[in-house]
N, C-alpha and C. Protein backbone atom coordinates (compact mmCIF):
# COMPACT_ATOMS: atom_id res chain seq x y z
N UNK A 1 -4.86 55.05 -39.42
CA UNK A 1 -6.34 54.60 -39.21
C UNK A 1 -6.66 53.43 -39.12
N UNK A 2 -5.98 53.13 -40.35
CA UNK A 2 -5.97 51.36 -40.16
C UNK A 2 -5.14 50.86 -39.42
N UNK A 3 -4.37 51.30 -39.18
CA UNK A 3 -2.79 50.65 -38.40
C UNK A 3 -3.63 50.67 -37.43
N UNK A 4 -4.19 51.44 -36.97
CA UNK A 4 -4.75 51.63 -34.98
C UNK A 4 -5.82 49.98 -34.89
N UNK A 5 -6.87 50.05 -36.02
CA UNK A 5 -7.36 49.33 -36.39
C UNK A 5 -6.63 47.81 -36.28
N UNK A 6 -5.72 47.63 -36.76
CA UNK A 6 -5.10 46.58 -36.97
C UNK A 6 -4.78 46.27 -35.91
N UNK A 7 -3.87 47.32 -35.48
CA UNK A 7 -3.27 47.00 -33.69
C UNK A 7 -4.15 46.69 -32.95
N UNK A 8 -5.39 47.18 -32.64
CA UNK A 8 -6.89 47.00 -31.85
C UNK A 8 -7.13 45.60 -32.22
N UNK A 9 -7.25 44.98 -32.85
CA UNK A 9 -7.46 43.57 -33.52
C UNK A 9 -6.93 42.75 -33.42
N UNK A 10 -5.83 43.33 -33.41
CA UNK A 10 -4.48 42.30 -32.81
C UNK A 10 -4.22 41.53 -31.73
N UNK A 11 -4.50 43.38 -30.80
CA UNK A 11 -4.54 43.00 -29.42
C UNK A 11 -5.07 42.42 -28.73
N UNK A 12 -6.41 42.61 -29.45
CA UNK A 12 -8.03 41.61 -28.62
C UNK A 12 -7.89 40.38 -29.07
N UNK A 13 -7.38 40.02 -29.84
CA UNK A 13 -7.28 38.83 -30.37
C UNK A 13 -6.08 37.52 -29.78
N UNK A 14 -5.41 38.20 -29.21
CA UNK A 14 -4.43 38.45 -28.42
C UNK A 14 -5.07 38.02 -26.87
N UNK A 15 -5.81 38.95 -26.72
CA UNK A 15 -6.17 38.81 -25.29
C UNK A 15 -7.11 37.42 -25.59
N UNK A 16 -7.65 37.53 -26.77
CA UNK A 16 -8.40 36.19 -26.47
C UNK A 16 -8.16 34.91 -26.31
N UNK A 17 -6.88 34.53 -27.14
CA UNK A 17 -6.83 34.00 -26.72
C UNK A 17 -5.66 33.11 -26.32
N UNK A 18 -5.26 34.03 -24.96
CA UNK A 18 -4.56 33.94 -24.54
C UNK A 18 -4.22 33.10 -23.63
N UNK A 19 -5.50 32.20 -23.04
CA UNK A 19 -6.13 31.39 -22.16
C UNK A 19 -5.77 30.10 -23.04
N UNK A 20 -6.25 30.44 -24.39
CA UNK A 20 -6.25 28.68 -24.78
C UNK A 20 -3.99 28.38 -25.60
N UNK A 21 -3.78 29.89 -25.31
CA UNK A 21 -2.20 29.39 -25.63
C UNK A 21 -1.85 28.60 -24.24
N UNK A 22 -2.22 29.58 -23.19
CA UNK A 22 -1.87 28.55 -21.79
C UNK A 22 -2.16 27.36 -21.41
N UNK A 23 -3.49 27.15 -22.25
CA UNK A 23 -3.90 25.43 -21.92
C UNK A 23 -3.11 24.43 -22.58
N UNK A 24 -2.84 24.84 -24.01
CA UNK A 24 -2.38 24.10 -24.55
C UNK A 24 -0.72 24.49 -24.36
N UNK A 25 -0.05 25.40 -24.02
CA UNK A 25 1.02 24.40 -23.20
C UNK A 25 1.11 23.64 -22.59
N UNK A 26 0.25 23.71 -21.50
CA UNK A 26 -0.14 22.97 -20.19
C UNK A 26 -0.39 21.73 -20.91
N UNK A 27 -0.91 21.82 -21.41
CA UNK A 27 -1.34 20.06 -22.33
C UNK A 27 -0.21 19.19 -22.98
N UNK A 28 0.36 20.38 -23.75
CA UNK A 28 1.70 19.52 -24.43
C UNK A 28 3.01 19.02 -23.15
N UNK A 29 2.91 19.95 -22.06
CA UNK A 29 3.64 19.57 -21.32
C UNK A 29 3.53 18.27 -20.61
N UNK A 30 2.02 18.07 -20.29
CA UNK A 30 0.99 17.05 -19.83
C UNK A 30 2.07 15.45 -20.79
N UNK A 31 1.73 15.97 -21.96
CA UNK A 31 1.21 14.63 -22.86
C UNK A 31 2.67 14.36 -23.04
N UNK A 32 3.88 15.34 -23.05
CA UNK A 32 5.27 15.04 -23.26
C UNK A 32 5.61 14.13 -21.52
N UNK A 33 4.95 14.96 -20.71
CA UNK A 33 5.88 13.70 -19.55
C UNK A 33 5.46 12.50 -19.74
N UNK A 34 3.34 12.01 -20.14
CA UNK A 34 3.02 10.85 -20.42
C UNK A 34 4.58 9.81 -21.11
N UNK A 35 4.17 10.73 -22.08
CA UNK A 35 5.23 10.17 -23.01
C UNK A 35 6.61 9.13 -22.75
N UNK A 36 7.21 10.43 -22.24
CA UNK A 36 8.38 10.08 -21.15
C UNK A 36 8.37 8.74 -20.25
N UNK A 37 7.39 8.72 -19.72
CA UNK A 37 6.85 7.32 -18.56
C UNK A 37 5.99 6.77 -19.37
N UNK A 38 5.58 6.42 -20.31
CA UNK A 38 5.34 5.37 -21.18
C UNK A 38 6.36 4.54 -21.50
N UNK A 39 7.52 5.28 -22.26
CA UNK A 39 8.86 5.04 -22.71
C UNK A 39 9.61 4.55 -22.04
N UNK A 40 9.67 5.25 -20.72
CA UNK A 40 9.98 4.64 -19.64
C UNK A 40 10.06 3.30 -18.89
N UNK A 41 8.36 3.35 -18.82
CA UNK A 41 7.99 2.01 -18.87
C UNK A 41 8.05 0.79 -19.77
N UNK A 42 7.72 1.01 -21.04
CA UNK A 42 7.90 -0.26 -21.86
C UNK A 42 9.63 -0.80 -21.95
N UNK A 43 10.57 0.60 -21.97
CA UNK A 43 11.81 -0.04 -21.66
C UNK A 43 11.96 -0.91 -20.66
N UNK A 44 11.55 -0.34 -19.46
CA UNK A 44 11.97 -0.84 -18.95
C UNK A 44 11.39 -2.62 -17.80
N UNK A 45 10.05 -2.60 -18.42
CA UNK A 45 9.39 -4.26 -18.42
C UNK A 45 9.62 -5.03 -19.92
N UNK A 46 10.67 -4.42 -21.31
CA UNK A 46 11.11 -5.17 -21.99
C UNK A 46 12.69 -5.58 -21.62
N UNK A 47 13.19 -5.04 -21.03
CA UNK A 47 14.36 -5.47 -20.23
C UNK A 47 14.20 -6.93 -19.35
N UNK A 48 13.18 -6.23 -18.41
CA UNK A 48 13.08 -7.16 -17.84
C UNK A 48 12.05 -8.89 -18.36
N UNK A 49 11.74 -8.62 -19.68
CA UNK A 49 10.76 -9.83 -20.27
C UNK A 49 12.36 -10.52 -20.53
N UNK A 50 13.20 -9.49 -21.42
CA UNK A 50 14.53 -10.16 -22.01
C UNK A 50 15.50 -10.79 -21.20
N UNK A 51 15.36 -10.32 -20.01
CA UNK A 51 16.30 -10.85 -18.92
C UNK A 51 15.61 -12.19 -18.72
N UNK A 52 14.13 -12.07 -18.55
CA UNK A 52 13.73 -13.22 -18.57
C UNK A 52 13.71 -14.86 -19.36
N UNK A 53 13.68 -14.08 -20.50
CA UNK A 53 13.77 -15.21 -21.22
C UNK A 53 15.17 -15.57 -21.55
N UNK A 54 16.49 -14.51 -21.56
CA UNK A 54 17.59 -14.88 -21.23
C UNK A 54 18.29 -16.49 -19.78
N UNK A 55 17.49 -16.01 -18.70
CA UNK A 55 17.48 -16.99 -17.99
C UNK A 55 16.60 -17.80 -17.86
N UNK A 56 15.57 -18.23 -18.52
CA UNK A 56 14.74 -19.67 -18.98
C UNK A 56 15.65 -20.64 -19.92
N UNK A 57 16.45 -19.21 -21.15
CA UNK A 57 17.38 -20.17 -21.84
C UNK A 57 18.33 -20.84 -21.38
N UNK A 58 18.68 -20.68 -20.11
CA UNK A 58 19.93 -21.12 -19.41
C UNK A 58 19.85 -22.50 -18.58
N UNK A 59 18.58 -22.69 -18.43
CA UNK A 59 17.87 -23.68 -17.93
C UNK A 59 18.13 -24.94 -18.56
N UNK A 60 19.23 -25.81 -18.25
CA UNK A 60 19.58 -27.17 -18.40
C UNK A 60 19.61 -28.36 -18.24
N UNK A 61 19.09 -28.48 -16.43
CA UNK A 61 19.17 -29.34 -15.41
C UNK A 61 18.05 -28.82 -14.62
N UNK A 62 18.14 -30.14 -13.75
CA UNK A 62 17.17 -29.70 -12.23
C UNK A 62 17.85 -28.53 -11.07
N UNK A 63 19.61 -28.00 -11.54
CA UNK A 63 19.66 -27.12 -10.49
C UNK A 63 19.50 -26.11 -11.19
N UNK A 64 19.37 -25.65 -12.85
CA UNK A 64 20.14 -24.98 -12.97
C UNK A 64 18.18 -24.28 -13.31
N UNK A 65 17.54 -24.78 -13.23
CA UNK A 65 15.85 -25.21 -13.01
C UNK A 65 15.28 -24.81 -11.87
N UNK A 66 16.47 -25.09 -10.76
CA UNK A 66 15.92 -24.53 -9.41
C UNK A 66 16.00 -23.28 -9.01
N UNK A 67 17.39 -22.71 -9.87
CA UNK A 67 18.22 -21.36 -9.54
C UNK A 67 17.22 -21.03 -10.17
N UNK A 68 16.25 -20.47 -11.71
CA UNK A 68 15.59 -19.95 -12.29
C UNK A 68 14.30 -19.90 -11.21
N UNK A 69 13.71 -21.05 -10.60
CA UNK A 69 12.99 -20.93 -10.28
C UNK A 69 12.51 -19.92 -8.88
N UNK A 70 13.95 -20.12 -8.08
CA UNK A 70 14.42 -19.34 -7.11
C UNK A 70 14.25 -17.87 -7.25
N UNK A 71 15.40 -17.34 -8.76
CA UNK A 71 15.13 -16.19 -8.73
C UNK A 71 13.36 -15.55 -9.41
N UNK A 72 12.43 -16.24 -9.41
CA UNK A 72 10.77 -15.90 -9.88
C UNK A 72 10.39 -15.12 -8.88
N UNK A 73 10.22 -15.29 -7.41
CA UNK A 73 9.97 -14.23 -6.78
C UNK A 73 10.52 -12.68 -6.36
N UNK A 74 12.42 -13.04 -6.45
CA UNK A 74 12.89 -11.75 -6.87
C UNK A 74 12.10 -10.93 -7.90
N UNK A 75 12.07 -11.63 -9.42
CA UNK A 75 11.52 -10.90 -10.76
C UNK A 75 10.31 -10.11 -10.25
N UNK A 76 9.21 -11.06 -9.76
CA UNK A 76 7.89 -10.75 -9.76
C UNK A 76 7.87 -9.46 -8.57
N UNK A 77 9.22 -9.96 -7.42
CA UNK A 77 8.64 -8.04 -6.66
C UNK A 77 9.46 -7.37 -7.48
N UNK A 78 10.10 -7.27 -8.24
CA UNK A 78 11.19 -6.03 -8.39
C UNK A 78 9.58 -5.91 -10.31
N UNK A 79 9.44 -6.50 -10.38
CA UNK A 79 7.99 -6.05 -11.09
C UNK A 79 6.93 -5.67 -10.50
N UNK A 80 6.41 -6.21 -9.84
CA UNK A 80 5.59 -5.37 -8.78
C UNK A 80 5.55 -3.86 -8.17
N UNK A 81 7.32 -3.83 -7.96
CA UNK A 81 7.29 -2.55 -7.18
C UNK A 81 7.76 -1.49 -8.43
N UNK A 82 7.81 -1.83 -9.39
CA UNK A 82 7.80 -1.36 -10.64
C UNK A 82 6.69 -0.62 -11.28
N UNK A 83 5.64 -1.48 -11.21
CA UNK A 83 3.55 -1.44 -11.47
C UNK A 83 3.70 0.13 -10.17
N UNK A 84 4.49 0.11 -9.11
CA UNK A 84 3.42 0.72 -8.05
C UNK A 84 4.77 2.14 -8.27
N UNK A 85 5.47 2.53 -8.95
CA UNK A 85 6.11 3.32 -8.97
C UNK A 85 5.90 3.85 -10.58
N UNK A 86 4.98 3.26 -11.33
CA UNK A 86 5.02 3.74 -12.44
C UNK A 86 3.01 4.40 -12.06
N UNK A 87 2.57 3.88 -11.65
CA UNK A 87 1.45 4.10 -11.16
C UNK A 87 1.27 5.24 -10.01
N UNK A 88 2.52 5.25 -9.29
CA UNK A 88 2.60 6.69 -8.57
C UNK A 88 3.29 7.43 -9.70
N UNK A 89 3.88 7.76 -10.06
CA UNK A 89 4.34 8.65 -11.43
C UNK A 89 3.46 8.95 -11.76
N UNK A 90 2.85 7.95 -12.92
CA UNK A 90 1.10 8.85 -13.51
C UNK A 90 0.12 9.76 -12.87
N UNK A 91 0.06 9.06 -11.38
CA UNK A 91 -0.77 9.89 -10.71
C UNK A 91 -0.18 11.16 -9.96
N UNK A 92 0.83 11.26 -9.77
CA UNK A 92 1.71 12.26 -9.67
C UNK A 92 1.33 13.86 -10.90
N UNK A 93 1.62 13.13 -12.30
CA UNK A 93 1.66 13.16 -13.08
C UNK A 93 -0.14 14.18 -13.37
N UNK A 94 -0.33 13.26 -13.08
CA UNK A 94 -2.11 13.68 -13.78
C UNK A 94 -3.01 14.50 -12.01
N UNK A 95 -2.26 15.07 -11.25
CA UNK A 95 -2.37 16.12 -10.26
C UNK A 95 -1.58 17.16 -10.24
N UNK A 96 -0.54 16.74 -10.94
CA UNK A 96 0.36 18.51 -11.85
C UNK A 96 -0.48 19.09 -12.77
N UNK A 97 -1.24 18.07 -13.32
CA UNK A 97 -2.05 18.87 -14.83
C UNK A 97 -3.06 19.44 -14.61
N UNK A 98 -4.03 18.33 -13.02
CA UNK A 98 -5.42 19.20 -12.92
C UNK A 98 -5.02 20.39 -11.95
N UNK A 99 -3.54 20.56 -11.60
CA UNK A 99 -3.63 21.71 -10.30
C UNK A 99 -3.25 23.19 -11.41
N UNK A 100 -2.37 22.26 -12.24
CA UNK A 100 -2.01 23.52 -13.39
C UNK A 100 -3.38 24.42 -14.12
N UNK A 101 -4.37 22.92 -14.25
CA UNK A 101 -5.67 23.62 -15.24
C UNK A 101 -6.43 24.18 -14.51
N UNK A 102 -6.72 23.86 -12.83
CA UNK A 102 -6.92 24.67 -11.72
C UNK A 102 -6.94 26.14 -11.92
N UNK A 103 -5.58 26.00 -12.01
CA UNK A 103 -5.10 27.16 -11.78
C UNK A 103 -5.44 28.24 -12.99
N UNK A 104 -5.63 27.70 -14.30
CA UNK A 104 -6.06 28.44 -15.20
C UNK A 104 -7.09 28.55 -14.94
N UNK A 105 -7.58 28.16 -15.05
CA UNK A 105 -9.25 28.38 -14.71
C UNK A 105 -9.43 29.11 -13.83
N UNK A 106 -9.02 29.13 -12.80
CA UNK A 106 -9.33 30.09 -11.53
C UNK A 106 -8.60 31.96 -12.04
N UNK A 107 -7.59 31.70 -12.60
CA UNK A 107 -7.17 33.22 -13.21
C UNK A 107 -8.44 33.29 -14.19
N UNK A 108 -9.05 32.72 -15.41
CA UNK A 108 -9.51 33.27 -16.09
C UNK A 108 -11.15 33.90 -15.81
N UNK A 109 -11.61 32.63 -14.76
CA UNK A 109 -12.71 33.29 -14.05
C UNK A 109 -12.11 34.47 -12.93
N UNK A 110 -11.50 34.36 -12.99
CA UNK A 110 -10.94 36.22 -11.95
C UNK A 110 -11.09 37.16 -13.22
N UNK A 111 -10.22 36.96 -14.30
CA UNK A 111 -10.44 38.00 -15.43
C UNK A 111 -11.77 38.40 -15.96
N UNK A 112 -12.87 37.48 -15.86
CA UNK A 112 -14.48 37.49 -16.78
C UNK A 112 -14.86 37.91 -15.22
N UNK A 113 -14.37 38.27 -13.93
CA UNK A 113 -15.39 38.57 -13.27
C UNK A 113 -15.12 38.52 -12.06
N UNK A 114 -14.66 40.09 -12.64
CA UNK A 114 -13.80 40.76 -10.97
C UNK A 114 -14.60 41.03 -9.96
N UNK A 115 -13.27 40.90 -8.73
CA UNK A 115 -13.77 40.83 -8.01
C UNK A 115 -15.08 42.14 -7.55
């Protein structure tokens, strides 16, 4: 008697908590992807900044200063492209998360309101 009652309670609890578990998995995946993106961005921007510091430390005369200045446009272009790429990746992750949550909500609405 108690075995059936606990089994029934357990099944109902699993059924009730299933949407939360699915959402938590989607959310965790999203946070993981965002964290990886941020770590990669920090690495890229740090590398760029360090390379600029090294380059400016090599300036010793007018010729090296001119060479450094000519590289600045290339560096700014690289930085701009990195920012655009990071923004696109962020938008992609956000869109993926939205799509997965929308699918999860639609699935749960169908279970609650069968057609």
